[in-house]
Structures are given as structure tokens and as C-alpha cells.
């Protein structure tokens, strides 16, 4: 299992989010750093179980803005519903 823990209190942009996913899950160099691309890559995980934990979840808006925070949460929960090898946890 690969696990990515992101402390939302330390996030200052969506670039930070994408960089952490890229490193944790060995995304290909062509990873597009968009939420659509993130969803596609996470849905393709099939060789290992993956878990993402977002700590200080309520602070995510401070770093990336309300729209991006809501969109990221939606992408992660949608991915969890679509990929049985992927789980997400939001913790405050």
C-alpha cells in the first residue's frame, strides 16, 4: 500500500497538491497537473492499494481557495467510489 498524508495547513497552492501526488504515486512525467488528470491517474491505480489522508481538512481553502478545495475533495471522493483500490480520509 502507498499512502499520502497531506497536512492542509502546509498547502499554499494546487501546485503543492499535484507535486505531492506526483511523488507519492510515481505518476508519469506527462502528468498534466490538473484535477482531471489527477482523477484519471488515481483511477488507473491497479497494482497497489492507495490511501490519501488530508489532515486539517478545514484549512484547505486557505491554501488553494474555496472552489479548488471543493473540486479536489470531489475528485478524491469520486475516485474512491470508482476505484476499489483507492481510499481517502479527511481529518480535522
PDB file of N, CA and C in Angstrom:
ATOM      1  N   UNK A   1       0.846  -1.182   0.000  1.00  0.00           N
ATOM      2  CA  UNK A   1       0.000   0.000   0.000  1.00  0.00           C
ATOM      3  C   UNK A   1       0.888   1.240   0.000  1.00  0.00           C
ATOM      4  N   UNK A   2       0.464   2.203  -0.794  1.00  0.00           N
ATOM      5  CA  UNK A   2       1.121   3.505  -0.776  1.00  0.00           C
ATOM      6  C   UNK A   2       0.160   4.477  -0.117  1.00  0.00           C
ATOM      7  N   UNK A   3       0.714   5.311   0.758  1.00  0.00           N
ATOM      8  CA  UNK A   3      -0.117   6.269   1.473  1.00  0.00           C
ATOM      9  C   UNK A   3       0.461   7.667   1.310  1.00  0.00           C
ATOM     10  N   UNK A   4      -0.406   8.610   1.087  1.00  0.00           N
ATOM     11  CA  UNK A   4      -0.027  10.015   1.008  1.00  0.00           C
ATOM     12  C   UNK A   4      -0.775  10.759   2.097  1.00  0.00           C
ATOM     13  N   UNK A   5      -0.025  11.428   2.959  1.00  0.00           N
ATOM     14  CA  UNK A   5      -0.622  12.255   4.003  1.00  0.00           C
ATOM     15  C   UNK A   5      -0.284  13.703   3.678  1.00  0.00           C
ATOM     16  N   UNK A   6      -1.321  14.507   3.546  1.00  0.00           N
ATOM     17  CA  UNK A   6      -1.147  15.926   3.261  1.00  0.00           C
ATOM     18  C   UNK A   6      -1.738  16.723   4.412  1.00  0.00           C
ATOM     19  N   UNK A   7      -0.914  17.560   5.028  1.00  0.00           N
ATOM     20  CA  UNK A   7      -1.404  18.475   6.058  1.00  0.00           C
ATOM     21  C   UNK A   7      -1.856  19.745   5.346  1.00  0.00           C
ATOM     22  N   UNK A   8      -3.151  19.952   5.276  1.00  0.00           N
ATOM     23  CA  UNK A   8      -3.697  21.099   4.547  1.00  0.00           C
ATOM     24  C   UNK A   8      -3.189  22.428   5.100  1.00  0.00           C
ATOM     25  N   UNK A   9      -2.766  22.446   6.352  1.00  0.00           N
ATOM     26  CA  UNK A   9      -2.240  23.676   6.942  1.00  0.00           C
ATOM     27  C   UNK A   9      -0.924  24.096   6.288  1.00  0.00           C
ATOM     28  N   UNK A  10      -0.262  23.169   5.589  1.00  0.00           N
ATOM     29  CA  UNK A  10       1.022  23.480   4.944  1.00  0.00           C
ATOM     30  C   UNK A  10       0.891  23.685   3.441  1.00  0.00           C
ATOM     31  N   UNK A  11      -0.308  23.596   2.917  1.00  0.00           N
ATOM     32  CA  UNK A  11      -0.524  23.715   1.471  1.00  0.00           C
ATOM     33  C   UNK A  11      -0.729  25.183   1.109  1.00  0.00           C
ATOM     34  N   UNK A  12       0.032  25.650   0.114  1.00  0.00           N
ATOM     35  CA  UNK A  12      -0.103  27.047  -0.293  1.00  0.00           C
ATOM     36  C   UNK A  12      -0.590  27.213  -1.730  1.00  0.00           C
ATOM     37  N   UNK A  13      -0.764  26.090  -2.436  1.00  0.00           N
ATOM     38  CA  UNK A  13      -1.258  26.173  -3.817  1.00  0.00           C
ATOM     39  C   UNK A  13      -1.629  24.777  -4.307  1.00  0.00           C
ATOM     40  N   UNK A  14      -2.326  24.727  -5.424  1.00  0.00           N
ATOM     41  CA  UNK A  14      -2.635  23.436  -6.040  1.00  0.00           C
ATOM     42  C   UNK A  14      -1.366  22.782  -6.577  1.00  0.00           C
ATOM     43  N   UNK A  15      -0.349  23.586  -6.900  1.00  0.00           N
ATOM     44  CA  UNK A  15       0.921  23.010  -7.351  1.00  0.00           C
ATOM     45  C   UNK A  15       1.507  22.114  -6.265  1.00  0.00           C
ATOM     46  N   UNK A  16       1.382  22.536  -5.009  1.00  0.00           N
ATOM     47  CA  UNK A  16       1.856  21.723  -3.887  1.00  0.00           C
ATOM     48  C   UNK A  16       1.113  20.394  -3.855  1.00  0.00           C
ATOM     49  N   UNK A  17      -0.192  20.442  -4.018  1.00  0.00           N
ATOM     50  CA  UNK A  17      -1.011  19.222  -4.034  1.00  0.00           C
ATOM     51  C   UNK A  17      -0.548  18.298  -5.152  1.00  0.00           C
ATOM     52  N   UNK A  18      -0.451  18.819  -6.356  1.00  0.00           N
ATOM     53  CA  UNK A  18      -0.063  17.995  -7.501  1.00  0.00           C
ATOM     54  C   UNK A  18       1.343  17.419  -7.325  1.00  0.00           C
ATOM     55  N   UNK A  19       2.273  18.208  -6.809  1.00  0.00           N
ATOM     56  CA  UNK A  19       3.636  17.717  -6.582  1.00  0.00           C
ATOM     57  C   UNK A  19       3.649  16.539  -5.615  1.00  0.00           C
ATOM     58  N   UNK A  20       2.843  16.612  -4.584  1.00  0.00           N
ATOM     59  CA  UNK A  20       2.817  15.531  -3.586  1.00  0.00           C
ATOM     60  C   UNK A  20       2.200  14.252  -4.156  1.00  0.00           C
ATOM     61  N   UNK A  21       1.143  14.388  -4.940  1.00  0.00           N
ATOM     62  CA  UNK A  21       0.562  13.208  -5.585  1.00  0.00           C
ATOM     63  C   UNK A  21       1.545  12.609  -6.591  1.00  0.00           C
ATOM     64  N   UNK A  22       2.179  13.457  -7.377  1.00  0.00           N
ATOM     65  CA  UNK A  22       3.143  13.018  -8.383  1.00  0.00           C
ATOM     66  C   UNK A  22       4.246  12.184  -7.731  1.00  0.00           C
ATOM     67  N   UNK A  23       4.803  12.683  -6.633  1.00  0.00           N
ATOM     68  CA  UNK A  23       5.893  11.987  -5.954  1.00  0.00           C
ATOM     69  C   UNK A  23       5.424  10.715  -5.249  1.00  0.00           C
ATOM     70  N   UNK A  24       4.293  10.774  -4.578  1.00  0.00           N
ATOM     71  CA  UNK A  24       3.830   9.635  -3.777  1.00  0.00           C
ATOM     72  C   UNK A  24       3.415   8.444  -4.618  1.00  0.00           C
ATOM     73  N   UNK A  25       2.822   8.710  -5.782  1.00  0.00           N
ATOM     74  CA  UNK A  25       2.262   7.622  -6.579  1.00  0.00           C
ATOM     75  C   UNK A  25       2.977   7.412  -7.910  1.00  0.00           C
ATOM     76  N   UNK A  26       4.166   7.995  -8.037  1.00  0.00           N
ATOM     77  CA  UNK A  26       5.010   7.754  -9.217  1.00  0.00           C
ATOM     78  C   UNK A  26       4.274   8.000 -10.529  1.00  0.00           C
ATOM     79  N   UNK A  27       3.594   9.128 -10.620  1.00  0.00           N
ATOM     80  CA  UNK A  27       2.909   9.469 -11.863  1.00  0.00           C
ATOM     81  C   UNK A  27       3.928   9.670 -12.984  1.00  0.00           C
ATOM     82  N   UNK A  28       3.500   9.439 -14.200  1.00  0.00           N
ATOM     83  CA  UNK A  28       4.361   9.618 -15.373  1.00  0.00           C
ATOM     84  C   UNK A  28       4.714  11.097 -15.550  1.00  0.00           C
ATOM     85  N   UNK A  29       5.831  11.335 -16.220  1.00  0.00           N
ATOM     86  CA  UNK A  29       6.286  12.702 -16.467  1.00  0.00           C
ATOM     87  C   UNK A  29       5.245  13.537 -17.206  1.00  0.00           C
ATOM     88  N   UNK A  30       4.377  12.895 -17.968  1.00  0.00           N
ATOM     89  CA  UNK A  30       3.373  13.630 -18.744  1.00  0.00           C
ATOM     90  C   UNK A  30       2.149  14.010 -17.909  1.00  0.00           C
ATOM     91  N   UNK A  31       2.170  13.731 -16.593  1.00  0.00           N
ATOM     92  CA  UNK A  31       1.062  14.100 -15.711  1.00  0.00           C
ATOM     93  C   UNK A  31       0.754  15.584 -15.885  1.00  0.00           C
ATOM     94  N   UNK A  32      -0.494  15.906 -16.125  1.00  0.00           N
ATOM     95  CA  UNK A  32      -0.887  17.248 -16.516  1.00  0.00           C
ATOM     96  C   UNK A  32      -1.107  18.269 -15.419  1.00  0.00           C
ATOM     97  N   UNK A  33      -1.024  17.884 -14.165  1.00  0.00           N
ATOM     98  CA  UNK A  33      -1.231  18.782 -13.033  1.00  0.00           C
ATOM     99  C   UNK A  33      -2.558  19.542 -13.107  1.00  0.00           C
ATOM    100  N   UNK A  34      -3.610  18.819 -13.476  1.00  0.00           N
ATOM    101  CA  UNK A  34      -4.973  19.343 -13.416  1.00  0.00           C
ATOM    102  C   UNK A  34      -5.795  18.352 -12.601  1.00  0.00           C
ATOM    103  N   UNK A  35      -6.952  18.761 -12.151  1.00  0.00           N
ATOM    104  CA  UNK A  35      -7.797  17.841 -11.392  1.00  0.00           C
ATOM    105  C   UNK A  35      -8.329  16.716 -12.267  1.00  0.00           C
ATOM    106  N   UNK A  36      -8.584  16.984 -13.534  1.00  0.00           N
ATOM    107  CA  UNK A  36      -8.997  15.917 -14.453  1.00  0.00           C
ATOM    108  C   UNK A  36      -7.895  14.875 -14.591  1.00  0.00           C
ATOM    109  N   UNK A  37      -6.677  15.344 -14.736  1.00  0.00           N
ATOM    110  CA  UNK A  37      -5.540  14.438 -14.855  1.00  0.00           C
ATOM    111  C   UNK A  37      -5.340  13.648 -13.557  1.00  0.00           C
ATOM    112  N   UNK A  38      -5.477  14.323 -12.421  1.00  0.00           N
ATOM    113  CA  UNK A  38      -5.350  13.645 -11.129  1.00  0.00           C
ATOM    114  C   UNK A  38      -6.375  12.523 -11.024  1.00  0.00           C
ATOM    115  N   UNK A  39      -7.605  12.812 -11.361  1.00  0.00           N
ATOM    116  CA  UNK A  39      -8.658  11.799 -11.317  1.00  0.00           C
ATOM    117  C   UNK A  39      -8.309  10.618 -12.219  1.00  0.00           C
ATOM    118  N   UNK A  40      -7.883  10.901 -13.437  1.00  0.00           N
ATOM    119  CA  UNK A  40      -7.535   9.832 -14.376  1.00  0.00           C
ATOM    120  C   UNK A  40      -6.420   8.952 -13.832  1.00  0.00           C
ATOM    121  N   UNK A  41      -5.364   9.564 -13.321  1.00  0.00           N
ATOM    122  CA  UNK A  41      -4.233   8.791 -12.809  1.00  0.00           C
ATOM    123  C   UNK A  41      -4.624   7.969 -11.589  1.00  0.00           C
ATOM    124  N   UNK A  42      -5.399   8.547 -10.684  1.00  0.00           N
ATOM    125  CA  UNK A  42      -5.811   7.804  -9.490  1.00  0.00           C
ATOM    126  C   UNK A  42      -6.749   6.656  -9.840  1.00  0.00           C
ATOM    127  N   UNK A  43      -7.590   6.839 -10.835  1.00  0.00           N
ATOM    128  CA  UNK A  43      -8.492   5.760 -11.251  1.00  0.00           C
ATOM    129  C   UNK A  43      -7.742   4.619 -11.924  1.00  0.00           C
ATOM    130  N   UNK A  44      -6.560   4.907 -12.452  1.00  0.00           N
ATOM    131  CA  UNK A  44      -5.773   3.876 -13.124  1.00  0.00           C
ATOM    132  C   UNK A  44      -4.911   3.058 -12.172  1.00  0.00           C
ATOM    133  N   UNK A  45      -4.865   3.443 -10.896  1.00  0.00           N
ATOM    134  CA  UNK A  45      -4.083   2.671  -9.930  1.00  0.00           C
ATOM    135  C   UNK A  45      -4.713   1.294  -9.807  1.00  0.00           C
ATOM    136  N   UNK A  46      -3.940   0.264 -10.152  1.00  0.00           N
ATOM    137  CA  UNK A  46      -4.463  -1.098 -10.043  1.00  0.00           C
ATOM    138  C   UNK A  46      -3.412  -2.106  -9.600  1.00  0.00           C
ATOM    139  N   UNK A  47      -2.184  -1.661  -9.374  1.00  0.00           N
ATOM    140  CA  UNK A  47      -1.130  -2.586  -8.956  1.00  0.00           C
ATOM    141  C   UNK A  47      -0.868  -2.542  -7.457  1.00  0.00           C
ATOM    142  N   UNK A  48      -1.470  -1.597  -6.779  1.00  0.00           N
ATOM    143  CA  UNK A  48      -1.278  -1.462  -5.339  1.00  0.00           C
ATOM    144  C   UNK A  48      -2.477  -0.718  -4.756  1.00  0.00           C
ATOM    145  N   UNK A  49      -2.675  -0.872  -3.453  1.00  0.00           N
ATOM    146  CA  UNK A  49      -3.697  -0.094  -2.763  1.00  0.00           C
ATOM    147  C   UNK A  49      -3.120   1.286  -2.467  1.00  0.00           C
ATOM    148  N   UNK A  50      -3.961   2.280  -2.527  1.00  0.00           N
ATOM    149  CA  UNK A  50      -3.529   3.655  -2.278  1.00  0.00           C
ATOM    150  C   UNK A  50      -4.490   4.314  -1.303  1.00  0.00           C
ATOM    151  N   UNK A  51      -3.912   5.056  -0.365  1.00  0.00           N
ATOM    152  CA  UNK A  51      -4.723   5.774   0.621  1.00  0.00           C
ATOM    153  C   UNK A  51      -4.213   7.205   0.715  1.00  0.00           C
ATOM    154  N   UNK A  52      -5.141   8.144   0.710  1.00  0.00           N
ATOM    155  CA  UNK A  52      -4.808   9.558   0.880  1.00  0.00           C
ATOM    156  C   UNK A  52      -5.504  10.058   2.132  1.00  0.00           C
ATOM    157  N   UNK A  53      -4.730  10.717   2.988  1.00  0.00           N
ATOM    158  CA  UNK A  53      -5.285  11.308   4.205  1.00  0.00           C
ATOM    159  C   UNK A  53      -4.992  12.805   4.162  1.00  0.00           C
ATOM    160  N   UNK A  54      -6.042  13.598   4.261  1.00  0.00           N
ATOM    161  CA  UNK A  54      -5.908  15.051   4.300  1.00  0.00           C
ATOM    162  C   UNK A  54      -6.113  15.494   5.746  1.00  0.00           C
ATOM    163  N   UNK A  55      -5.047  15.934   6.391  1.00  0.00           N
ATOM    164  CA  UNK A  55      -5.122  16.440   7.757  1.00  0.00           C
ATOM    165  C   UNK A  55      -5.496  17.919   7.736  1.00  0.00           C
ATOM    166  N   UNK A  56      -6.094  18.399   8.808  1.00  0.00           N
ATOM    167  CA  UNK A  56      -6.520  19.802   8.882  1.00  0.00           C
ATOM    168  C   UNK A  56      -7.347  20.187   7.659  1.00  0.00           C
ATOM    169  N   UNK A  57      -8.245  19.305   7.307  1.00  0.00           N
ATOM    170  CA  UNK A  57      -9.064  19.441   6.101  1.00  0.00           C
ATOM    171  C   UNK A  57      -9.735  20.808   5.976  1.00  0.00           C
ATOM    172  N   UNK A  58     -10.216  21.355   7.073  1.00  0.00           N
ATOM    173  CA  UNK A  58     -10.943  22.630   7.013  1.00  0.00           C
ATOM    174  C   UNK A  58     -10.044  23.807   6.646  1.00  0.00           C
ATOM    175  N   UNK A  59      -8.737  23.609   6.671  1.00  0.00           N
ATOM    176  CA  UNK A  59      -7.811  24.681   6.318  1.00  0.00           C
ATOM    177  C   UNK A  59      -7.411  24.661   4.843  1.00  0.00           C
ATOM    178  N   UNK A  60      -7.904  23.690   4.113  1.00  0.00           N
ATOM    179  CA  UNK A  60      -7.531  23.565   2.705  1.00  0.00           C
ATOM    180  C   UNK A  60      -7.908  24.811   1.907  1.00  0.00           C
ATOM    181  N   UNK A  61      -9.048  25.402   2.210  1.00  0.00           N
ATOM    182  CA  UNK A  61      -9.497  26.605   1.491  1.00  0.00           C
ATOM    183  C   UNK A  61      -8.496  27.751   1.605  1.00  0.00           C
ATOM    184  N   UNK A  62      -7.812  27.855   2.744  1.00  0.00           N
ATOM    185  CA  UNK A  62      -6.835  28.938   2.931  1.00  0.00           C
ATOM    186  C   UNK A  62      -5.683  28.827   1.944  1.00  0.00           C
ATOM    187  N   UNK A  63      -5.310  27.615   1.604  1.00  0.00           N
ATOM    188  CA  UNK A  63      -4.163  27.416   0.726  1.00  0.00           C
ATOM    189  C   UNK A  63      -4.486  27.417  -0.752  1.00  0.00           C
ATOM    190  N   UNK A  64      -5.672  26.913  -1.108  1.00  0.00           N
ATOM    191  CA  UNK A  64      -5.979  26.758  -2.541  1.00  0.00           C
ATOM    192  C   UNK A  64      -7.243  27.484  -2.978  1.00  0.00           C
ATOM    193  N   UNK A  65      -8.002  28.035  -2.047  1.00  0.00           N
ATOM    194  CA  UNK A  65      -9.252  28.710  -2.386  1.00  0.00           C
ATOM    195  C   UNK A  65     -10.441  27.768  -2.275  1.00  0.00           C
ATOM    196  N   UNK A  66     -11.610  28.348  -2.126  1.00  0.00           N
ATOM    197  CA  UNK A  66     -12.825  27.558  -1.896  1.00  0.00           C
ATOM    198  C   UNK A  66     -13.177  26.649  -3.066  1.00  0.00           C
ATOM    199  N   UNK A  67     -13.138  27.187  -4.281  1.00  0.00           N
ATOM    200  CA  UNK A  67     -13.533  26.390  -5.449  1.00  0.00           C
ATOM    201  C   UNK A  67     -12.587  25.211  -5.666  1.00  0.00           C
ATOM    202  N   UNK A  68     -11.282  25.462  -5.566  1.00  0.00           N
ATOM    203  CA  UNK A  68     -10.307  24.387  -5.780  1.00  0.00           C
ATOM    204  C   UNK A  68     -10.381  23.344  -4.663  1.00  0.00           C
ATOM    205  N   UNK A  69     -10.577  23.781  -3.427  1.00  0.00           N
ATOM    206  CA  UNK A  69     -10.688  22.837  -2.312  1.00  0.00           C
ATOM    207  C   UNK A  69     -11.896  21.923  -2.501  1.00  0.00           C
ATOM    208  N   UNK A  70     -13.025  22.506  -2.866  1.00  0.00           N
ATOM    209  CA  UNK A  70     -14.233  21.706  -3.102  1.00  0.00           C
ATOM    210  C   UNK A  70     -14.035  20.755  -4.274  1.00  0.00           C
ATOM    211  N   UNK A  71     -13.397  21.233  -5.329  1.00  0.00           N
ATOM    212  CA  UNK A  71     -13.161  20.390  -6.505  1.00  0.00           C
ATOM    213  C   UNK A  71     -12.209  19.246  -6.176  1.00  0.00           C
ATOM    214  N   UNK A  72     -11.164  19.514  -5.398  1.00  0.00           N
ATOM    215  CA  UNK A  72     -10.226  18.456  -5.006  1.00  0.00           C
ATOM    216  C   UNK A  72     -10.939  17.396  -4.173  1.00  0.00           C
ATOM    217  N   UNK A  73     -11.737  17.816  -3.209  1.00  0.00           N
ATOM    218  CA  UNK A  73     -12.475  16.845  -2.389  1.00  0.00           C
ATOM    219  C   UNK A  73     -13.407  15.999  -3.253  1.00  0.00           C
ATOM    220  N   UNK A  74     -14.051  16.638  -4.216  1.00  0.00           N
ATOM    221  CA  UNK A  74     -14.962  15.913  -5.110  1.00  0.00           C
ATOM    222  C   UNK A  74     -14.191  14.896  -5.955  1.00  0.00           C
ATOM    223  N   UNK A  75     -13.045  15.283  -6.481  1.00  0.00           N
ATOM    224  CA  UNK A  75     -12.227  14.361  -7.276  1.00  0.00           C
ATOM    225  C   UNK A  75     -11.812  13.160  -6.430  1.00  0.00           C
ATOM    226  N   UNK A  76     -11.387  13.406  -5.209  1.00  0.00           N
ATOM    227  CA  UNK A  76     -10.931  12.306  -4.357  1.00  0.00           C
ATOM    228  C   UNK A  76     -12.079  11.382  -3.956  1.00  0.00           C
ATOM    229  N   UNK A  77     -13.234  11.934  -3.613  1.00  0.00           N
ATOM    230  CA  UNK A  77     -14.361  11.069  -3.245  1.00  0.00           C
ATOM    231  C   UNK A  77     -14.921  10.335  -4.462  1.00  0.00           C
ATOM    232  N   UNK A  78     -14.931  10.985  -5.624  1.00  0.00           N
ATOM    233  CA  UNK A  78     -15.362  10.301  -6.850  1.00  0.00           C
ATOM    234  C   UNK A  78     -14.419   9.152  -7.185  1.00  0.00           C
ATOM    235  N   UNK A  79     -13.129   9.393  -7.031  1.00  0.00           N
ATOM    236  CA  UNK A  79     -12.143   8.348  -7.314  1.00  0.00           C
ATOM    237  C   UNK A  79     -12.334   7.170  -6.371  1.00  0.00           C
ATOM    238  N   UNK A  80     -12.580   7.460  -5.097  1.00  0.00           N
ATOM    239  CA  UNK A  80     -12.810   6.388  -4.124  1.00  0.00           C
ATOM    240  C   UNK A  80     -14.014   5.542  -4.531  1.00  0.00           C
ATOM    241  N   UNK A  81     -15.049   6.177  -5.048  1.00  0.00           N
ATOM    242  CA  UNK A  81     -16.249   5.453  -5.477  1.00  0.00           C
ATOM    243  C   UNK A  81     -15.988   4.608  -6.722  1.00  0.00           C
ATOM    244  N   UNK A  82     -15.054   5.036  -7.562  1.00  0.00           N
ATOM    245  CA  UNK A  82     -14.794   4.357  -8.829  1.00  0.00           C
ATOM    246  C   UNK A  82     -13.677   3.315  -8.767  1.00  0.00           C
ATOM    247  N   UNK A  83     -12.733   3.491  -7.860  1.00  0.00           N
ATOM    248  CA  UNK A  83     -11.573   2.602  -7.807  1.00  0.00           C
ATOM    249  C   UNK A  83     -11.530   1.895  -6.453  1.00  0.00           C
ATOM    250  N   UNK A  84     -11.767   0.590  -6.412  1.00  0.00           N
ATOM    251  CA  UNK A  84     -11.779  -0.134  -5.142  1.00  0.00           C
ATOM    252  C   UNK A  84     -10.412  -0.198  -4.453  1.00  0.00           C
ATOM    253  N   UNK A  85      -9.349   0.162  -5.156  1.00  0.00           N
ATOM    254  CA  UNK A  85      -8.011   0.126  -4.565  1.00  0.00           C
ATOM    255  C   UNK A  85      -7.593   1.480  -4.005  1.00  0.00           C
ATOM    256  N   UNK A  86      -8.484   2.448  -4.057  1.00  0.00           N
ATOM    257  CA  UNK A  86      -8.173   3.804  -3.596  1.00  0.00           C
ATOM    258  C   UNK A  86      -9.126   4.208  -2.481  1.00  0.00           C
ATOM    259  N   UNK A  87      -8.567   4.747  -1.394  1.00  0.00           N
ATOM    260  CA  UNK A  87      -9.388   5.270  -0.301  1.00  0.00           C
ATOM    261  C   UNK A  87      -8.898   6.667   0.068  1.00  0.00           C
ATOM    262  N   UNK A  88      -9.804   7.454   0.608  1.00  0.00           N
ATOM    263  CA  UNK A  88      -9.467   8.809   1.040  1.00  0.00           C
ATOM    264  C   UNK A  88     -10.082   9.055   2.404  1.00  0.00           C
ATOM    265  N   UNK A  89      -9.384   9.850   3.196  1.00  0.00           N
ATOM    266  CA  UNK A  89      -9.839  10.178   4.548  1.00  0.00           C
ATOM    267  C   UNK A  89      -9.588  11.672   4.780  1.00  0.00           C
ATOM    268  N   UNK A  90     -10.606  12.368   5.244  1.00  0.00           N
ATOM    269  CA  UNK A  90     -10.488  13.790   5.562  1.00  0.00           C
ATOM    270  C   UNK A  90     -10.566  13.943   7.074  1.00  0.00           C
ATOM    271  N   UNK A  91      -9.553  14.558   7.671  1.00  0.00           N
ATOM    272  CA  UNK A  91      -9.459  14.666   9.126  1.00  0.00           C
ATOM    273  C   UNK A  91      -9.284  16.132   9.516  1.00  0.00           C
ATOM    274  N   UNK A  92     -10.034  16.566  10.525  1.00  0.00           N
ATOM    275  CA  UNK A  92      -9.836  17.928  11.052  1.00  0.00           C
ATOM    276  C   UNK A  92      -9.188  17.816  12.384  1.00  0.00           C
TER     277      UNK A  92
END
